[in-house]
Amino acid sequence: QTLAIASISPNLLIVVTAAFGFMR
């Protein structure tokens, strides 16, 4: 949130959810 550029930051929980979904 502090490194956000133009109030855009990565959503790590989507990455975790998607990664566990297609890997497991």
mmCIF file of all heavy atoms, coordinates in Angstrom:
data_MODEL
# 
_entry.id   MODEL 
# 
loop_
_atom_site.group_PDB 
_atom_site.id 
_atom_site.type_symbol 
_atom_site.label_atom_id 
_atom_site.label_alt_id 
_atom_site.label_comp_id 
_atom_site.label_asym_id 
_atom_site.label_entity_id 
_atom_site.label_seq_id 
_atom_site.pdbx_PDB_ins_code 
_atom_site.Cartn_x 
_atom_site.Cartn_y 
_atom_site.Cartn_z 
_atom_site.occupancy 
_atom_site.B_iso_or_equiv 
_atom_site.pdbx_formal_charge 
_atom_site.auth_seq_id 
_atom_site.auth_comp_id 
_atom_site.auth_asym_id 
_atom_site.auth_atom_id 
_atom_site.pdbx_PDB_model_num 
ATOM 1   N N   . GLN A 1 1  ? 0.828  -1.205  0.000   1.00 0.00 ? 1  GLN A N   1 
ATOM 2   C CA  . GLN A 1 1  ? 0.000  0.000   0.000   1.00 0.00 ? 1  GLN A CA  1 
ATOM 3   C C   . GLN A 1 1  ? 0.867  1.261   0.000   1.00 0.00 ? 1  GLN A C   1 
ATOM 4   O O   . GLN A 1 1  ? 0.474  2.277   -0.558  1.00 0.00 ? 1  GLN A O   1 
ATOM 5   C CB  . GLN A 1 1  ? -0.938 0.013   1.208   1.00 0.00 ? 1  GLN A CB  1 
ATOM 6   C CG  . GLN A 1 1  ? -2.032 -1.006  1.147   1.00 0.00 ? 1  GLN A CG  1 
ATOM 7   C CD  . GLN A 1 1  ? -2.966 -0.793  -0.032  1.00 0.00 ? 1  GLN A CD  1 
ATOM 8   O OE1 . GLN A 1 1  ? -3.293 0.336   -0.372  1.00 0.00 ? 1  GLN A OE1 1 
ATOM 9   N NE2 . GLN A 1 1  ? -3.389 -1.883  -0.633  1.00 0.00 ? 1  GLN A NE2 1 
ATOM 10  N N   . THR A 1 2  ? 2.024  1.182   0.620   1.00 0.00 ? 2  THR A N   1 
ATOM 11  C CA  . THR A 1 2  ? 2.913  2.345   0.610   1.00 0.00 ? 2  THR A CA  1 
ATOM 12  C C   . THR A 1 2  ? 3.687  2.457   -0.697  1.00 0.00 ? 2  THR A C   1 
ATOM 13  O O   . THR A 1 2  ? 4.113  3.548   -1.064  1.00 0.00 ? 2  THR A O   1 
ATOM 14  C CB  . THR A 1 2  ? 3.912  2.286   1.778   1.00 0.00 ? 2  THR A CB  1 
ATOM 15  O OG1 . THR A 1 2  ? 4.683  1.101   1.672   1.00 0.00 ? 2  THR A OG1 1 
ATOM 16  C CG2 . THR A 1 2  ? 3.183  2.319   3.108   1.00 0.00 ? 2  THR A CG2 1 
ATOM 17  N N   . LEU A 1 3  ? 3.868  1.357   -1.410  1.00 0.00 ? 3  LEU A N   1 
ATOM 18  C CA  . LEU A 1 3  ? 4.581  1.367   -2.681  1.00 0.00 ? 3  LEU A CA  1 
ATOM 19  C C   . LEU A 1 3  ? 3.642  1.495   -3.878  1.00 0.00 ? 3  LEU A C   1 
ATOM 20  O O   . LEU A 1 3  ? 4.077  1.357   -5.011  1.00 0.00 ? 3  LEU A O   1 
ATOM 21  C CB  . LEU A 1 3  ? 5.403  0.085   -2.834  1.00 0.00 ? 3  LEU A CB  1 
ATOM 22  C CG  . LEU A 1 3  ? 6.495  -0.161  -1.799  1.00 0.00 ? 3  LEU A CG  1 
ATOM 23  C CD1 . LEU A 1 3  ? 7.142  -1.505  -2.029  1.00 0.00 ? 3  LEU A CD1 1 
ATOM 24  C CD2 . LEU A 1 3  ? 7.521  0.952   -1.846  1.00 0.00 ? 3  LEU A CD2 1 
ATOM 25  N N   . ALA A 1 4  ? 2.381  1.755   -3.634  1.00 0.00 ? 4  ALA A N   1 
ATOM 26  C CA  . ALA A 1 4  ? 1.387  1.822   -4.705  1.00 0.00 ? 4  ALA A CA  1 
ATOM 27  C C   . ALA A 1 4  ? 1.675  2.994   -5.642  1.00 0.00 ? 4  ALA A C   1 
ATOM 28  O O   . ALA A 1 4  ? 2.012  4.091   -5.204  1.00 0.00 ? 4  ALA A O   1 
ATOM 29  C CB  . ALA A 1 4  ? -0.003 1.952   -4.128  1.00 0.00 ? 4  ALA A CB  1 
ATOM 30  N N   . ILE A 1 5  ? 1.536  2.720   -6.931  1.00 0.00 ? 5  ILE A N   1 
ATOM 31  C CA  . ILE A 1 5  ? 1.707  3.740   -7.949  1.00 0.00 ? 5  ILE A CA  1 
ATOM 32  C C   . ILE A 1 5  ? 0.329  4.065   -8.499  1.00 0.00 ? 5  ILE A C   1 
ATOM 33  O O   . ILE A 1 5  ? -0.345 3.183   -9.037  1.00 0.00 ? 5  ILE A O   1 
ATOM 34  C CB  . ILE A 1 5  ? 2.645  3.255   -9.070  1.00 0.00 ? 5  ILE A CB  1 
ATOM 35  C CG1 . ILE A 1 5  ? 4.015  2.939   -8.491  1.00 0.00 ? 5  ILE A CG1 1 
ATOM 36  C CG2 . ILE A 1 5  ? 2.731  4.283   -10.188 1.00 0.00 ? 5  ILE A CG2 1 
ATOM 37  C CD1 . ILE A 1 5  ? 4.953  2.265   -9.442  1.00 0.00 ? 5  ILE A CD1 1 
ATOM 38  N N   . ALA A 1 6  ? -0.099 5.304   -8.356  1.00 0.00 ? 6  ALA A N   1 
ATOM 39  C CA  . ALA A 1 6  ? -1.428 5.758   -8.773  1.00 0.00 ? 6  ALA A CA  1 
ATOM 40  C C   . ALA A 1 6  ? -2.503 4.935   -8.071  1.00 0.00 ? 6  ALA A C   1 
ATOM 41  O O   . ALA A 1 6  ? -3.492 4.540   -8.678  1.00 0.00 ? 6  ALA A O   1 
ATOM 42  C CB  . ALA A 1 6  ? -1.589 5.698   -10.284 1.00 0.00 ? 6  ALA A CB  1 
ATOM 43  N N   . SER A 1 7  ? -2.278 4.645   -6.810  1.00 0.00 ? 7  SER A N   1 
ATOM 44  C CA  . SER A 1 7  ? -3.166 3.843   -5.948  1.00 0.00 ? 7  SER A CA  1 
ATOM 45  C C   . SER A 1 7  ? -3.429 2.451   -6.504  1.00 0.00 ? 7  SER A C   1 
ATOM 46  O O   . SER A 1 7  ? -4.480 1.868   -6.269  1.00 0.00 ? 7  SER A O   1 
ATOM 47  C CB  . SER A 1 7  ? -4.474 4.574   -5.662  1.00 0.00 ? 7  SER A CB  1 
ATOM 48  O OG  . SER A 1 7  ? -5.298 4.593   -6.807  1.00 0.00 ? 7  SER A OG  1 
ATOM 49  N N   . ILE A 1 8  ? -2.484 1.913   -7.252  1.00 0.00 ? 8  ILE A N   1 
ATOM 50  C CA  . ILE A 1 8  ? -2.586 0.551   -7.775  1.00 0.00 ? 8  ILE A CA  1 
ATOM 51  C C   . ILE A 1 8  ? -1.526 -0.298  -7.084  1.00 0.00 ? 8  ILE A C   1 
ATOM 52  O O   . ILE A 1 8  ? -0.339 0.019   -7.126  1.00 0.00 ? 8  ILE A O   1 
ATOM 53  C CB  . ILE A 1 8  ? -2.374 0.518   -9.294  1.00 0.00 ? 8  ILE A CB  1 
ATOM 54  C CG1 . ILE A 1 8  ? -3.449 1.327   -9.992  1.00 0.00 ? 8  ILE A CG1 1 
ATOM 55  C CG2 . ILE A 1 8  ? -2.368 -0.914  -9.800  1.00 0.00 ? 8  ILE A CG2 1 
ATOM 56  C CD1 . ILE A 1 8  ? -3.212 1.512   -11.461 1.00 0.00 ? 8  ILE A CD1 1 
ATOM 57  N N   . SER A 1 9  ? -1.974 -1.365  -6.442  1.00 0.00 ? 9  SER A N   1 
ATOM 58  C CA  . SER A 1 9  ? -1.049 -2.273  -5.769  1.00 0.00 ? 9  SER A CA  1 
ATOM 59  C C   . SER A 1 9  ? -1.462 -3.710  -6.072  1.00 0.00 ? 9  SER A C   1 
ATOM 60  O O   . SER A 1 9  ? -2.630 -3.974  -6.358  1.00 0.00 ? 9  SER A O   1 
ATOM 61  C CB  . SER A 1 9  ? -1.043 -2.017  -4.264  1.00 0.00 ? 9  SER A CB  1 
ATOM 62  O OG  . SER A 1 9  ? -2.320 -2.254  -3.737  1.00 0.00 ? 9  SER A OG  1 
ATOM 63  N N   . PRO A 1 10 ? -0.533 -4.645  -6.007  1.00 0.00 ? 10 PRO A N   1 
ATOM 64  C CA  . PRO A 1 10 ? -0.874 -6.034  -6.315  1.00 0.00 ? 10 PRO A CA  1 
ATOM 65  C C   . PRO A 1 10 ? -1.765 -6.651  -5.242  1.00 0.00 ? 10 PRO A C   1 
ATOM 66  O O   . PRO A 1 10 ? -1.662 -6.339  -4.062  1.00 0.00 ? 10 PRO A O   1 
ATOM 67  C CB  . PRO A 1 10 ? 0.480  -6.737  -6.372  1.00 0.00 ? 10 PRO A CB  1 
ATOM 68  C CG  . PRO A 1 10 ? 1.396  -5.886  -5.597  1.00 0.00 ? 10 PRO A CG  1 
ATOM 69  C CD  . PRO A 1 10 ? 0.882  -4.490  -5.712  1.00 0.00 ? 10 PRO A CD  1 
ATOM 70  N N   . ASN A 1 11 ? -2.639 -7.533  -5.678  1.00 0.00 ? 11 ASN A N   1 
ATOM 71  C CA  . ASN A 1 11 ? -3.531 -8.252  -4.777  1.00 0.00 ? 11 ASN A CA  1 
ATOM 72  C C   . ASN A 1 11 ? -2.932 -9.647  -4.554  1.00 0.00 ? 11 ASN A C   1 
ATOM 73  O O   . ASN A 1 11 ? -3.175 -10.562 -5.334  1.00 0.00 ? 11 ASN A O   1 
ATOM 74  C CB  . ASN A 1 11 ? -4.928 -8.333  -5.395  1.00 0.00 ? 11 ASN A CB  1 
ATOM 75  C CG  . ASN A 1 11 ? -5.957 -8.828  -4.427  1.00 0.00 ? 11 ASN A CG  1 
ATOM 76  O OD1 . ASN A 1 11 ? -5.624 -9.359  -3.377  1.00 0.00 ? 11 ASN A OD1 1 
ATOM 77  N ND2 . ASN A 1 11 ? -7.207 -8.666  -4.783  1.00 0.00 ? 11 ASN A ND2 1 
ATOM 78  N N   . LEU A 1 12 ? -2.150 -9.776  -3.520  1.00 0.00 ? 12 LEU A N   1 
ATOM 79  C CA  . LEU A 1 12 ? -1.448 -11.036 -3.272  1.00 0.00 ? 12 LEU A CA  1 
ATOM 80  C C   . LEU A 1 12 ? -2.386 -12.168 -2.894  1.00 0.00 ? 12 LEU A C   1 
ATOM 81  O O   . LEU A 1 12 ? -2.091 -13.339 -3.164  1.00 0.00 ? 12 LEU A O   1 
ATOM 82  C CB  . LEU A 1 12 ? -0.403 -10.846 -2.176  1.00 0.00 ? 12 LEU A CB  1 
ATOM 83  C CG  . LEU A 1 12 ? 0.776  -9.946  -2.522  1.00 0.00 ? 12 LEU A CG  1 
ATOM 84  C CD1 . LEU A 1 12 ? 1.709  -9.849  -1.337  1.00 0.00 ? 12 LEU A CD1 1 
ATOM 85  C CD2 . LEU A 1 12 ? 1.510  -10.456 -3.729  1.00 0.00 ? 12 LEU A CD2 1 
ATOM 86  N N   . LEU A 1 13 ? -3.515 -11.863 -2.291  1.00 0.00 ? 13 LEU A N   1 
ATOM 87  C CA  . LEU A 1 13 ? -4.439 -12.927 -1.908  1.00 0.00 ? 13 LEU A CA  1 
ATOM 88  C C   . LEU A 1 13 ? -5.106 -13.556 -3.129  1.00 0.00 ? 13 LEU A C   1 
ATOM 89  O O   . LEU A 1 13 ? -5.417 -14.744 -3.121  1.00 0.00 ? 13 LEU A O   1 
ATOM 90  C CB  . LEU A 1 13 ? -5.472 -12.395 -0.918  1.00 0.00 ? 13 LEU A CB  1 
ATOM 91  C CG  . LEU A 1 13 ? -4.887 -12.000 0.429   1.00 0.00 ? 13 LEU A CG  1 
ATOM 92  C CD1 . LEU A 1 13 ? -5.972 -11.491 1.354   1.00 0.00 ? 13 LEU A CD1 1 
ATOM 93  C CD2 . LEU A 1 13 ? -4.167 -13.161 1.072   1.00 0.00 ? 13 LEU A CD2 1 
ATOM 94  N N   . ILE A 1 14 ? -5.304 -12.775 -4.191  1.00 0.00 ? 14 ILE A N   1 
ATOM 95  C CA  . ILE A 1 14 ? -5.790 -13.359 -5.453  1.00 0.00 ? 14 ILE A CA  1 
ATOM 96  C C   . ILE A 1 14 ? -4.722 -14.279 -6.024  1.00 0.00 ? 14 ILE A C   1 
ATOM 97  O O   . ILE A 1 14 ? -5.030 -15.362 -6.519  1.00 0.00 ? 14 ILE A O   1 
ATOM 98  C CB  . ILE A 1 14 ? -6.143 -12.252 -6.463  1.00 0.00 ? 14 ILE A CB  1 
ATOM 99  C CG1 . ILE A 1 14 ? -7.405 -11.544 -6.066  1.00 0.00 ? 14 ILE A CG1 1 
ATOM 100 C CG2 . ILE A 1 14 ? -6.282 -12.798 -7.876  1.00 0.00 ? 14 ILE A CG2 1 
ATOM 101 C CD1 . ILE A 1 14 ? -8.675 -12.294 -6.354  1.00 0.00 ? 14 ILE A CD1 1 
ATOM 102 N N   . VAL A 1 15 ? -3.473 -13.859 -5.947  1.00 0.00 ? 15 VAL A N   1 
ATOM 103 C CA  . VAL A 1 15 ? -2.377 -14.678 -6.458  1.00 0.00 ? 15 VAL A CA  1 
ATOM 104 C C   . VAL A 1 15 ? -2.295 -15.994 -5.687  1.00 0.00 ? 15 VAL A C   1 
ATOM 105 O O   . VAL A 1 15 ? -2.164 -17.069 -6.275  1.00 0.00 ? 15 VAL A O   1 
ATOM 106 C CB  . VAL A 1 15 ? -1.036 -13.911 -6.384  1.00 0.00 ? 15 VAL A CB  1 
ATOM 107 C CG1 . VAL A 1 15 ? 0.123  -14.800 -6.763  1.00 0.00 ? 15 VAL A CG1 1 
ATOM 108 C CG2 . VAL A 1 15 ? -1.081 -12.684 -7.264  1.00 0.00 ? 15 VAL A CG2 1 
ATOM 109 N N   . VAL A 1 16 ? -2.414 -15.931 -4.369  1.00 0.00 ? 16 VAL A N   1 
ATOM 110 C CA  . VAL A 1 16 ? -2.358 -17.136 -3.542  1.00 0.00 ? 16 VAL A CA  1 
ATOM 111 C C   . VAL A 1 16 ? -3.541 -18.055 -3.851  1.00 0.00 ? 16 VAL A C   1 
ATOM 112 O O   . VAL A 1 16 ? -3.378 -19.259 -4.033  1.00 0.00 ? 16 VAL A O   1 
ATOM 113 C CB  . VAL A 1 16 ? -2.327 -16.769 -2.041  1.00 0.00 ? 16 VAL A CB  1 
ATOM 114 C CG1 . VAL A 1 16 ? -2.547 -17.982 -1.164  1.00 0.00 ? 16 VAL A CG1 1 
ATOM 115 C CG2 . VAL A 1 16 ? -1.011 -16.120 -1.692  1.00 0.00 ? 16 VAL A CG2 1 
ATOM 116 N N   . THR A 1 17 ? -4.730 -17.478 -3.939  1.00 0.00 ? 17 THR A N   1 
ATOM 117 C CA  . THR A 1 17 ? -5.927 -18.274 -4.203  1.00 0.00 ? 17 THR A CA  1 
ATOM 118 C C   . THR A 1 17 ? -5.853 -18.936 -5.569  1.00 0.00 ? 17 THR A C   1 
ATOM 119 O O   . THR A 1 17 ? -6.134 -20.132 -5.704  1.00 0.00 ? 17 THR A O   1 
ATOM 120 C CB  . THR A 1 17 ? -7.184 -17.391 -4.113  1.00 0.00 ? 17 THR A CB  1 
ATOM 121 O OG1 . THR A 1 17 ? -7.239 -16.813 -2.820  1.00 0.00 ? 17 THR A OG1 1 
ATOM 122 C CG2 . THR A 1 17 ? -8.432 -18.189 -4.368  1.00 0.00 ? 17 THR A CG2 1 
ATOM 123 N N   . ALA A 1 18 ? -5.482 -18.167 -6.584  1.00 0.00 ? 18 ALA A N   1 
ATOM 124 C CA  . ALA A 1 18 ? -5.390 -18.725 -7.933  1.00 0.00 ? 18 ALA A CA  1 
ATOM 125 C C   . ALA A 1 18 ? -4.286 -19.777 -8.017  1.00 0.00 ? 18 ALA A C   1 
ATOM 126 O O   . ALA A 1 18 ? -4.464 -20.825 -8.639  1.00 0.00 ? 18 ALA A O   1 
ATOM 127 C CB  . ALA A 1 18 ? -5.146 -17.614 -8.948  1.00 0.00 ? 18 ALA A CB  1 
ATOM 128 N N   . ALA A 1 19 ? -3.154 -19.512 -7.385  1.00 0.00 ? 19 ALA A N   1 
ATOM 129 C CA  . ALA A 1 19 ? -2.043 -20.463 -7.443  1.00 0.00 ? 19 ALA A CA  1 
ATOM 130 C C   . ALA A 1 19 ? -2.394 -21.785 -6.775  1.00 0.00 ? 19 ALA A C   1 
ATOM 131 O O   . ALA A 1 19 ? -2.129 -22.861 -7.331  1.00 0.00 ? 19 ALA A O   1 
ATOM 132 C CB  . ALA A 1 19 ? -0.802 -19.855 -6.791  1.00 0.00 ? 19 ALA A CB  1 
ATOM 133 N N   . PHE A 1 20 ? -2.999 -21.730 -5.606  1.00 0.00 ? 20 PHE A N   1 
ATOM 134 C CA  . PHE A 1 20 ? -3.392 -22.978 -4.944  1.00 0.00 ? 20 PHE A CA  1 
ATOM 135 C C   . PHE A 1 20 ? -4.492 -23.674 -5.726  1.00 0.00 ? 20 PHE A C   1 
ATOM 136 O O   . PHE A 1 20 ? -4.568 -24.896 -5.731  1.00 0.00 ? 20 PHE A O   1 
ATOM 137 C CB  . PHE A 1 20 ? -3.834 -22.723 -3.505  1.00 0.00 ? 20 PHE A CB  1 
ATOM 138 C CG  . PHE A 1 20 ? -2.701 -22.678 -2.536  1.00 0.00 ? 20 PHE A CG  1 
ATOM 139 C CD1 . PHE A 1 20 ? -2.161 -21.479 -2.128  1.00 0.00 ? 20 PHE A CD1 1 
ATOM 140 C CD2 . PHE A 1 20 ? -2.172 -23.847 -2.036  1.00 0.00 ? 20 PHE A CD2 1 
ATOM 141 C CE1 . PHE A 1 20 ? -1.114 -21.444 -1.243  1.00 0.00 ? 20 PHE A CE1 1 
ATOM 142 C CE2 . PHE A 1 20 ? -1.118 -23.824 -1.139  1.00 0.00 ? 20 PHE A CE2 1 
ATOM 143 C CZ  . PHE A 1 20 ? -0.580 -22.616 -0.741  1.00 0.00 ? 20 PHE A CZ  1 
ATOM 144 N N   . GLY A 1 21 ? -5.342 -22.908 -6.380  1.00 0.00 ? 21 GLY A N   1 
ATOM 145 C CA  . GLY A 1 21 ? -6.409 -23.512 -7.168  1.00 0.00 ? 21 GLY A CA  1 
ATOM 146 C C   . GLY A 1 21 ? -5.874 -24.305 -8.338  1.00 0.00 ? 21 GLY A C   1 
ATOM 147 O O   . GLY A 1 21 ? -6.230 -25.471 -8.523  1.00 0.00 ? 21 GLY A O   1 
ATOM 148 N N   . PHE A 1 22 ? -5.008 -23.703 -9.158  1.00 0.00 ? 22 PHE A N   1 
ATOM 149 C CA  . PHE A 1 22 ? -4.552 -24.449 -10.336 1.00 0.00 ? 22 PHE A CA  1 
ATOM 150 C C   . PHE A 1 22 ? -3.406 -25.394 -10.052 1.00 0.00 ? 22 PHE A C   1 
ATOM 151 O O   . PHE A 1 22 ? -3.123 -26.256 -10.854 1.00 0.00 ? 22 PHE A O   1 
ATOM 152 C CB  . PHE A 1 22 ? -4.251 -23.527 -11.530 1.00 0.00 ? 22 PHE A CB  1 
ATOM 153 C CG  . PHE A 1 22 ? -3.125 -22.560 -11.349 1.00 0.00 ? 22 PHE A CG  1 
ATOM 154 C CD1 . PHE A 1 22 ? -1.816 -22.968 -11.357 1.00 0.00 ? 22 PHE A CD1 1 
ATOM 155 C CD2 . PHE A 1 22 ? -3.395 -21.220 -11.214 1.00 0.00 ? 22 PHE A CD2 1 
ATOM 156 C CE1 . PHE A 1 22 ? -0.793 -22.067 -11.206 1.00 0.00 ? 22 PHE A CE1 1 
ATOM 157 C CE2 . PHE A 1 22 ? -2.383 -20.304 -11.069 1.00 0.00 ? 22 PHE A CE2 1 
ATOM 158 C CZ  . PHE A 1 22 ? -1.080 -20.732 -11.064 1.00 0.00 ? 22 PHE A CZ  1 
ATOM 159 N N   . MET A 1 23 ? -2.758 -25.290 -8.911  1.00 0.00 ? 23 MET A N   1 
ATOM 160 C CA  . MET A 1 23 ? -1.709 -26.257 -8.591  1.00 0.00 ? 23 MET A CA  1 
ATOM 161 C C   . MET A 1 23 ? -2.236 -27.457 -7.824  1.00 0.00 ? 23 MET A C   1 
ATOM 162 O O   . MET A 1 23 ? -1.739 -28.569 -7.999  1.00 0.00 ? 23 MET A O   1 
ATOM 163 C CB  . MET A 1 23 ? -0.587 -25.592 -7.779  1.00 0.00 ? 23 MET A CB  1 
ATOM 164 C CG  . MET A 1 23 ? 0.284  -24.707 -8.615  1.00 0.00 ? 23 MET A CG  1 
ATOM 165 S SD  . MET A 1 23 ? 1.814  -24.159 -7.832  1.00 0.00 ? 23 MET A SD  1 
ATOM 166 C CE  . MET A 1 23 ? 1.312  -23.637 -6.243  1.00 0.00 ? 23 MET A CE  1 
ATOM 167 N N   . ARG A 1 24 ? -3.254 -27.251 -6.971  1.00 0.00 ? 24 ARG A N   1 
ATOM 168 C CA  . ARG A 1 24 ? -3.729 -28.351 -6.124  1.00 0.00 ? 24 ARG A CA  1 
ATOM 169 C C   . ARG A 1 24 ? -5.154 -28.776 -6.373  1.00 0.00 ? 24 ARG A C   1 
ATOM 170 O O   . ARG A 1 24 ? -5.629 -29.723 -5.763  1.00 0.00 ? 24 ARG A O   1 
ATOM 171 C CB  . ARG A 1 24 ? -3.569 -27.953 -4.660  1.00 0.00 ? 24 ARG A CB  1 
ATOM 172 C CG  . ARG A 1 24 ? -2.118 -27.825 -4.262  1.00 0.00 ? 24 ARG A CG  1 
ATOM 173 C CD  . ARG A 1 24 ? -1.994 -27.745 -2.787  1.00 0.00 ? 24 ARG A CD  1 
ATOM 174 N NE  . ARG A 1 24 ? -0.609 -27.587 -2.388  1.00 0.00 ? 24 ARG A NE  1 
ATOM 175 C CZ  . ARG A 1 24 ? -0.236 -27.237 -1.198  1.00 0.00 ? 24 ARG A CZ  1 
ATOM 176 N NH1 . ARG A 1 24 ? -1.133 -26.992 -0.268  1.00 0.00 ? 24 ARG A NH1 1 
ATOM 177 N NH2 . ARG A 1 24 ? 1.035  -27.125 -0.906  1.00 0.00 ? 24 ARG A NH2 1 
# 
